[in-house]
Amino acid sequence: MAKTNPGRFFEHYRLGQVIEHAVPRTVSGGERALYHALYPARHALYSSDEFARACGLPAAPLDDLAAFHLVFGKTVPDVSLNAVANLGYAEGRWHHPVMPGDTLRARSTVIGLKQTSSGGSGVVYVRTEGRNQRDDLVLDYVRWVLVRKQDQGLPAPDPVVPDLKPALQAADLVIPQGLDFSAYDFAQAGEPHRWGDYAVGETIDHVDGVTIEEAEHMLATRLWQNTAKVHFDATFREDGRRLIYGGHVMSLARALSFNGLANAQMIVGLNGGAHANPCFAGTTVRAWSEVLDKAETKAPGVGAIRLRLVATSGGAPFELRGEDGRYLPHVLLDLDYWALMPL
């Protein structure tokens, strides 16, 4: 009897299927330190307990994308071990900051299935929840992946594509309990720019770049216990190259965005995202942002700002798609998210 797990293939998923993902993870300050070592992350709210307390939180939480990667990593053996590509995200919300000492676990529900016209693979839509040791919902999101089919002779399931919001509204966002930016220290945060200084349609070149090292991205992927073969096994791809985990590019771009968006402190919503082109070791990642929307919140001194974050491997900033509507070859990531910023 086989005891190893080859991963699920497209025909193994059923609409409404609930998957409890293995290996809960207790986080510590070590995760935060390693995250900040892997990326040039330096947003003040995640770097200083005292800064976080001055903003109404009990201490500095784990970076929001670190929490996302941790929950995402739990899902890989069950959702995307045999994936061809991770296609997109929608309706992502952070509900509770993750603090050192919290234990996170993950569960996914299959909400959509659609076989490709070739019959060799299919798109699987899942809604994933990350919960802590108190059963508080920490974050949830929808993602869809293209998964190989093991037996191409099996009939296709009836196609079901979920109706997803094109973007979260400001009213959908969860503001952390106690968050208060009314006495926000701009000098300690690193930039003077507040919510009112940004205009919808404004674009920001984040200037800096980071060259990805092979060992670095593999360390990050192991940190989140992501077991996808394309990130580790050089024999898995015909070109013999290990694919950079998309979350690694996300965190690099978010960290680079500090230069120009140092006060976009907390990520609270994920509207959409596309890993537009593959990324490999040796690539120098740069980033730019566009302000898509703004809204006030009920929390004292707290505004919400919707941003497009684009990571590139070159090219001029603010170039996204060609005349054919497709992403340009140098675009690595196109991420649409909501963040909280002092008014």
Protein backbone atom coordinates (compact mmCIF):
# COMPACT_ATOMS: atom_id res chain seq x y z
CA MET A 1 0.00 0.00 0.00
CA ALA A 2 1.45 3.36 -1.06
CA LYS A 3 2.18 5.66 1.83
CA THR A 4 3.49 8.66 -0.09
CA ASN A 5 1.31 11.47 -1.40
CA PRO A 6 1.52 12.24 -5.14
CA GLY A 7 -0.86 15.18 -4.73
CA ARG A 8 -4.34 15.69 -6.12
CA PHE A 9 -5.04 15.89 -9.82
CA PHE A 10 -7.95 17.75 -11.40
CA GLU A 11 -10.27 14.74 -11.36
CA HIS A 12 -9.79 14.35 -7.59
CA TYR A 13 -11.66 17.58 -6.78
CA ARG A 14 -15.41 17.84 -6.16
CA LEU A 15 -17.55 20.95 -5.90
CA GLY A 16 -18.15 21.72 -2.24
CA GLN A 17 -15.26 19.51 -1.11
CA VAL A 18 -13.69 20.72 2.16
CA ILE A 19 -9.97 20.09 2.65
CA GLU A 20 -8.42 20.41 6.11
CA HIS A 21 -4.75 21.15 5.49
CA ALA A 22 -2.07 19.46 7.56
CA VAL A 23 0.56 20.79 9.97
CA PRO A 24 -0.56 23.81 12.02
CA ARG A 25 2.21 26.33 12.56
CA THR A 26 3.03 28.32 15.70
CA VAL A 27 4.76 31.58 14.78
CA SER A 28 7.35 33.42 16.84
CA GLY A 29 9.44 36.55 16.58
CA GLY A 30 11.84 34.41 14.58
CA GLU A 31 9.46 34.43 11.61
CA ARG A 32 9.40 38.20 11.65
CA ALA A 33 13.19 38.46 11.89
CA LEU A 34 13.70 35.99 9.05
CA TYR A 35 11.07 37.70 6.92
CA HIS A 36 12.89 41.01 7.38
CA ALA A 37 16.18 39.30 6.54
CA LEU A 38 14.80 37.86 3.31
CA TYR A 39 13.17 41.10 2.12
CA PRO A 40 14.03 44.77 2.65
CA ALA A 41 10.85 45.00 4.77
CA ARG A 42 10.87 47.97 7.13
CA HIS A 43 7.32 49.25 7.66
CA ALA A 44 7.37 50.63 11.20
CA LEU A 45 4.20 48.93 12.44
CA TYR A 46 5.82 45.50 11.88
CA SER A 47 9.28 46.49 13.04
CA SER A 48 8.61 48.04 16.45
CA ASP A 49 6.43 46.88 19.32
CA GLU A 50 6.47 50.42 20.71
CA PHE A 51 5.37 51.97 17.40
CA ALA A 52 2.57 49.39 17.15
CA ARG A 53 1.42 50.10 20.72
CA ALA A 54 1.32 53.82 19.94
CA CYS A 55 -1.03 52.88 17.09
CA GLY A 56 -3.38 50.98 19.41
CA LEU A 57 -2.15 47.41 18.86
CA PRO A 58 -0.82 45.20 21.66
CA ALA A 59 2.52 44.68 19.88
CA ALA A 60 4.00 44.50 16.39
CA PRO A 61 2.21 41.80 14.40
CA LEU A 62 3.67 39.46 11.82
CA ASP A 63 3.81 41.14 8.41
CA ASP A 64 0.51 40.63 6.60
CA LEU A 65 2.11 38.94 3.60
CA ALA A 66 4.08 36.65 5.92
CA ALA A 67 0.77 35.50 7.40
CA PHE A 68 -0.61 35.06 3.88
CA HIS A 69 2.42 32.99 2.79
CA LEU A 70 2.17 30.82 5.87
CA VAL A 71 -1.52 29.98 5.25
CA PHE A 72 -0.91 29.62 1.51
CA GLY A 73 1.95 27.17 2.15
CA LYS A 74 -0.38 24.89 4.12
CA THR A 75 -2.59 24.54 1.03
CA VAL A 76 0.08 23.62 -1.51
CA PRO A 77 0.25 19.82 -0.90
CA ASP A 78 -3.53 19.57 -1.32
CA VAL A 79 -4.32 22.23 -3.92
CA SER A 80 -1.36 23.04 -6.13
CA LEU A 81 1.22 20.26 -5.87
CA ASN A 82 0.35 19.24 -9.45
CA ALA A 83 -0.52 22.71 -10.65
CA VAL A 84 0.67 24.04 -13.99
CA ALA A 85 0.16 27.63 -12.87
CA ASN A 86 -1.37 29.72 -10.10
CA LEU A 87 -3.79 31.89 -12.06
CA GLY A 88 -5.22 34.51 -9.74
CA TYR A 89 -6.61 35.77 -6.43
CA ALA A 90 -9.79 37.53 -5.34
CA GLU A 91 -11.79 38.56 -2.27
CA GLY A 92 -8.85 38.35 0.13
CA ARG A 93 -9.35 39.89 3.57
CA TRP A 94 -7.20 40.06 6.70
CA HIS A 95 -9.46 39.83 9.75
CA HIS A 96 -7.05 39.65 12.72
CA PRO A 97 -3.36 40.59 13.01
CA VAL A 98 -1.14 37.57 13.65
CA MET A 99 0.94 37.89 16.80
CA PRO A 100 3.99 35.89 17.94
CA GLY A 101 2.67 32.83 19.78
CA ASP A 102 -0.34 32.40 17.49
CA THR A 103 -0.87 28.99 15.88
CA LEU A 104 -2.30 29.06 12.37
CA ARG A 105 -4.06 26.33 10.44
CA ALA A 106 -5.78 26.35 7.07
CA ARG A 107 -8.87 24.91 5.40
CA SER A 108 -10.01 25.20 1.77
CA THR A 109 -13.37 24.66 0.10
CA VAL A 110 -13.66 23.90 -3.61
CA ILE A 111 -16.02 26.52 -5.07
CA GLY A 112 -15.47 26.03 -8.79
CA LEU A 113 -14.22 23.58 -11.43
CA LYS A 114 -13.70 23.97 -15.16
CA GLN A 115 -11.84 21.57 -17.42
CA THR A 116 -9.74 23.07 -20.22
CA SER A 117 -10.73 22.54 -23.85
CA SER A 118 -7.69 20.28 -24.37
CA GLY A 119 -8.87 17.94 -21.62
CA GLY A 120 -5.37 17.68 -20.14
CA SER A 121 -5.97 19.93 -17.15
CA GLY A 122 -8.57 22.01 -15.39
CA VAL A 123 -9.02 25.11 -13.29
CA VAL A 124 -9.77 24.57 -9.60
CA TYR A 125 -11.22 27.46 -7.56
CA VAL A 126 -10.83 27.31 -3.77
CA ARG A 127 -11.71 29.60 -0.90
CA THR A 128 -9.08 29.25 1.81
CA GLU A 129 -9.43 30.25 5.46
CA GLY A 130 -6.59 30.69 7.93
CA ARG A 131 -7.58 30.45 11.61
CA ASN A 132 -5.69 30.82 14.86
CA GLN A 133 -5.71 28.75 18.05
CA ARG A 134 -8.89 30.56 19.25
CA ASP A 135 -10.63 29.69 15.97
CA ASP A 136 -10.59 33.37 14.98
CA LEU A 137 -10.64 33.87 11.23
CA VAL A 138 -7.26 35.47 10.53
CA LEU A 139 -7.55 35.75 6.76
CA ASP A 140 -9.46 34.30 3.83
CA TYR A 141 -9.08 34.53 0.08
CA VAL A 142 -10.06 32.87 -3.19
CA ARG A 143 -7.48 31.58 -5.62
CA TRP A 144 -7.67 29.53 -8.77
CA VAL A 145 -5.04 27.20 -10.17
CA LEU A 146 -4.56 25.22 -13.36
CA VAL A 147 -4.09 21.59 -12.28
CA ARG A 148 -2.98 18.63 -14.39
CA LYS A 149 -5.39 15.80 -15.11
CA GLN A 150 -4.01 12.33 -14.42
CA ASP A 151 -6.53 10.34 -16.49
CA GLN A 152 -7.49 12.28 -19.60
CA GLY A 153 -10.13 9.69 -20.45
CA LEU A 154 -12.34 10.65 -17.53
CA PRO A 155 -15.35 12.83 -18.41
CA ALA A 156 -15.23 16.51 -17.54
CA PRO A 157 -17.31 17.72 -14.58
CA ASP A 158 -20.03 20.27 -15.21
CA PRO A 159 -18.23 23.61 -15.36
CA VAL A 160 -18.85 25.90 -12.40
CA VAL A 161 -17.12 29.29 -12.25
CA PRO A 162 -17.79 31.26 -9.05
CA ASP A 163 -19.11 34.80 -9.25
CA LEU A 164 -16.35 36.83 -7.60
CA LYS A 165 -16.19 40.52 -6.79
CA PRO A 166 -13.92 42.45 -9.16
CA ALA A 167 -12.72 44.37 -6.09
CA LEU A 168 -13.58 44.71 -2.43
CA GLN A 169 -15.31 47.89 -1.37
CA ALA A 170 -13.96 49.91 1.54
CA ALA A 171 -16.97 48.76 3.60
CA ASP A 172 -15.81 45.14 3.15
CA LEU A 173 -12.50 45.80 4.90
CA VAL A 174 -11.88 44.74 8.50
CA ILE A 175 -10.04 47.37 10.56
CA PRO A 176 -8.03 45.80 13.42
CA GLN A 177 -9.58 46.43 16.81
CA GLY A 178 -8.02 49.39 18.56
CA LEU A 179 -6.12 50.71 15.54
CA ASP A 180 -5.67 54.46 15.95
CA PHE A 181 -3.44 56.62 13.75
CA SER A 182 -4.47 59.95 15.32
CA ALA A 183 -1.06 60.29 17.07
CA TYR A 184 0.95 58.67 14.28
CA ASP A 185 4.68 59.42 14.34
CA PHE A 186 5.65 60.21 10.75
CA ALA A 187 9.30 60.79 11.62
CA GLN A 188 9.67 57.29 13.05
CA ALA A 189 7.70 55.80 10.15
CA GLY A 190 10.23 57.21 7.68
CA GLU A 191 8.16 59.46 5.38
CA PRO A 192 5.86 62.47 5.80
CA HIS A 193 3.29 61.47 3.17
CA ARG A 194 -0.20 60.85 4.52
CA TRP A 195 -3.48 59.62 2.98
CA GLY A 196 -4.44 63.11 1.79
CA ASP A 197 -1.17 63.49 -0.11
CA TYR A 198 -2.05 60.74 -2.60
CA ALA A 199 -4.39 61.21 -5.56
CA VAL A 200 -6.32 58.56 -7.46
CA GLY A 201 -4.46 57.89 -10.70
CA GLU A 202 -1.08 58.88 -9.25
CA THR A 203 1.84 56.58 -10.07
CA ILE A 204 4.95 56.05 -7.95
CA ASP A 205 8.27 54.61 -9.10
CA HIS A 206 9.80 52.89 -6.07
CA VAL A 207 13.30 53.35 -7.57
CA ASP A 208 15.17 50.53 -5.79
CA GLY A 209 15.87 46.99 -7.02
CA VAL A 210 16.73 43.64 -5.47
CA THR A 211 18.47 40.78 -7.30
CA ILE A 212 17.04 37.39 -6.37
CA GLU A 213 19.48 34.73 -5.21
CA GLU A 214 18.78 31.01 -5.62
CA ALA A 215 19.41 30.10 -1.98
CA GLU A 216 17.35 33.03 -0.74
CA HIS A 217 14.13 32.14 -2.53
CA MET A 218 14.46 28.48 -1.58
CA LEU A 219 14.91 29.46 2.06
CA ALA A 220 11.76 31.60 1.85
CA THR A 221 9.75 28.82 0.25
CA ARG A 222 10.86 26.36 2.92
CA LEU A 223 10.00 28.88 5.62
CA TRP A 224 6.37 28.83 4.48
CA GLN A 225 6.50 25.02 4.04
CA ASN A 226 5.54 25.36 0.38
CA THR A 227 6.20 21.97 -1.25
CA ALA A 228 5.53 22.83 -4.91
CA LYS A 229 8.04 20.85 -7.01
CA VAL A 230 8.75 23.67 -9.47
CA HIS A 231 10.44 25.67 -6.71
CA PHE A 232 12.85 22.97 -5.52
CA ASP A 233 13.39 20.24 -8.10
CA ALA A 234 15.60 21.39 -10.99
CA THR A 235 14.63 18.27 -12.97
CA PHE A 236 10.92 19.11 -12.84
CA ARG A 237 11.12 21.69 -15.64
CA GLU A 238 12.57 20.99 -19.08
CA ASP A 239 14.85 24.03 -18.84
CA GLY A 240 16.33 22.78 -15.54
CA ARG A 241 15.52 26.05 -13.76
CA ARG A 242 13.73 26.41 -10.44
CA LEU A 243 10.78 28.77 -10.63
CA ILE A 244 10.71 31.56 -8.05
CA TYR A 245 7.71 31.23 -5.73
CA GLY A 246 5.23 33.98 -6.59
CA GLY A 247 4.88 34.95 -2.95
CA HIS A 248 8.60 35.73 -2.87
CA VAL A 249 8.09 38.27 -5.66
CA MET A 250 5.05 39.68 -3.81
CA SER A 251 7.03 40.31 -0.64
CA LEU A 252 9.99 41.79 -2.51
CA ALA A 253 7.72 44.22 -4.34
CA ARG A 254 5.82 45.15 -1.17
CA ALA A 255 9.11 45.79 0.65
CA LEU A 256 10.43 47.89 -2.25
CA SER A 257 7.23 49.96 -2.15
CA PHE A 258 8.35 51.38 1.22
CA ASN A 259 10.20 54.03 -0.79
CA GLY A 260 7.18 56.18 -1.61
CA LEU A 261 4.57 54.30 0.44
CA ALA A 262 6.21 53.94 3.86
CA ASN A 263 2.94 54.85 5.56
CA ALA A 264 0.79 52.29 3.73
CA GLN A 265 1.11 50.21 6.87
CA MET A 266 -1.38 47.34 6.99
CA ILE A 267 -2.62 45.25 4.07
CA VAL A 268 -6.29 44.47 4.74
CA GLY A 269 -7.68 43.49 1.32
CA LEU A 270 -6.56 41.56 -1.74
CA ASN A 271 -8.68 42.42 -4.77
CA GLY A 272 -6.79 40.49 -7.40
CA GLY A 273 -3.41 39.40 -8.56
CA ALA A 274 -1.63 37.84 -11.48
CA HIS A 275 1.84 36.29 -11.73
CA ALA A 276 2.22 37.67 -15.23
CA ASN A 277 5.54 36.08 -16.24
CA PRO A 278 7.88 33.54 -14.63
CA CYS A 279 10.76 34.71 -12.48
CA PHE A 280 14.12 32.99 -11.98
CA ALA A 281 17.21 33.45 -9.82
CA GLY A 282 19.43 36.25 -11.04
CA THR A 283 16.49 38.50 -11.88
CA THR A 284 16.60 42.02 -10.49
CA VAL A 285 13.11 42.95 -9.29
CA ARG A 286 11.88 46.54 -9.32
CA ALA A 287 8.44 47.89 -8.48
CA TRP A 288 5.99 50.70 -9.13
CA SER A 289 2.53 51.50 -7.79
CA GLU A 290 -0.64 53.20 -8.95
CA VAL A 291 -3.29 54.68 -6.64
CA LEU A 292 -6.63 53.15 -7.69
CA ASP A 293 -9.02 54.37 -4.97
CA LYS A 294 -9.23 55.96 -1.54
CA ALA A 295 -11.74 55.84 1.31
CA GLU A 296 -12.05 56.99 4.88
CA THR A 297 -12.70 54.49 7.66
CA LYS A 298 -14.41 54.68 11.05
CA ALA A 299 -11.13 54.11 12.89
CA PRO A 300 -9.56 57.31 14.30
CA GLY A 301 -7.01 58.80 11.94
CA VAL A 302 -7.14 55.80 9.58
CA GLY A 303 -7.71 55.98 5.83
CA ALA A 304 -7.85 53.16 3.28
CA ILE A 305 -5.94 53.33 0.02
CA ARG A 306 -6.30 50.93 -2.89
CA LEU A 307 -3.06 50.31 -4.74
CA ARG A 308 -1.86 48.46 -7.81
CA LEU A 309 1.62 47.07 -7.12
CA VAL A 310 3.59 45.97 -10.18
CA ALA A 311 6.87 44.06 -9.98
CA THR A 312 9.09 44.04 -13.06
CA SER A 313 12.37 42.59 -14.27
CA GLY A 314 13.22 45.70 -16.29
CA GLY A 315 11.60 48.05 -18.76
CA ALA A 316 10.36 51.54 -18.09
CA PRO A 317 8.14 52.07 -15.04
CA PHE A 318 4.38 52.34 -15.54
CA GLU A 319 4.38 50.09 -18.62
CA LEU A 320 2.04 47.15 -18.04
CA ARG A 321 0.48 45.72 -21.22
CA GLY A 322 1.26 45.71 -24.91
CA GLU A 323 -1.03 46.70 -27.76
CA ASP A 324 -2.46 43.18 -27.77
CA GLY A 325 -3.65 43.62 -24.18
CA ARG A 326 -1.22 41.06 -22.80
CA TYR A 327 1.25 41.70 -20.02
CA LEU A 328 4.61 42.87 -21.27
CA PRO A 329 7.42 40.27 -20.91
CA HIS A 330 9.15 42.18 -18.12
CA VAL A 331 6.04 42.32 -15.89
CA LEU A 332 6.31 39.72 -13.12
CA LEU A 333 3.43 40.61 -10.81
CA ASP A 334 0.28 42.72 -10.97
CA LEU A 335 -1.25 42.96 -7.48
CA ASP A 336 -4.35 44.94 -6.46
CA TYR A 337 -4.72 45.49 -2.71
CA TRP A 338 -6.11 47.74 0.02
CA ALA A 339 -3.85 49.16 2.75
CA LEU A 340 -4.40 51.36 5.80
CA MET A 341 -2.68 54.73 6.03
CA PRO A 342 -2.79 57.68 8.46
CA LEU A 343 -5.08 60.51 7.43
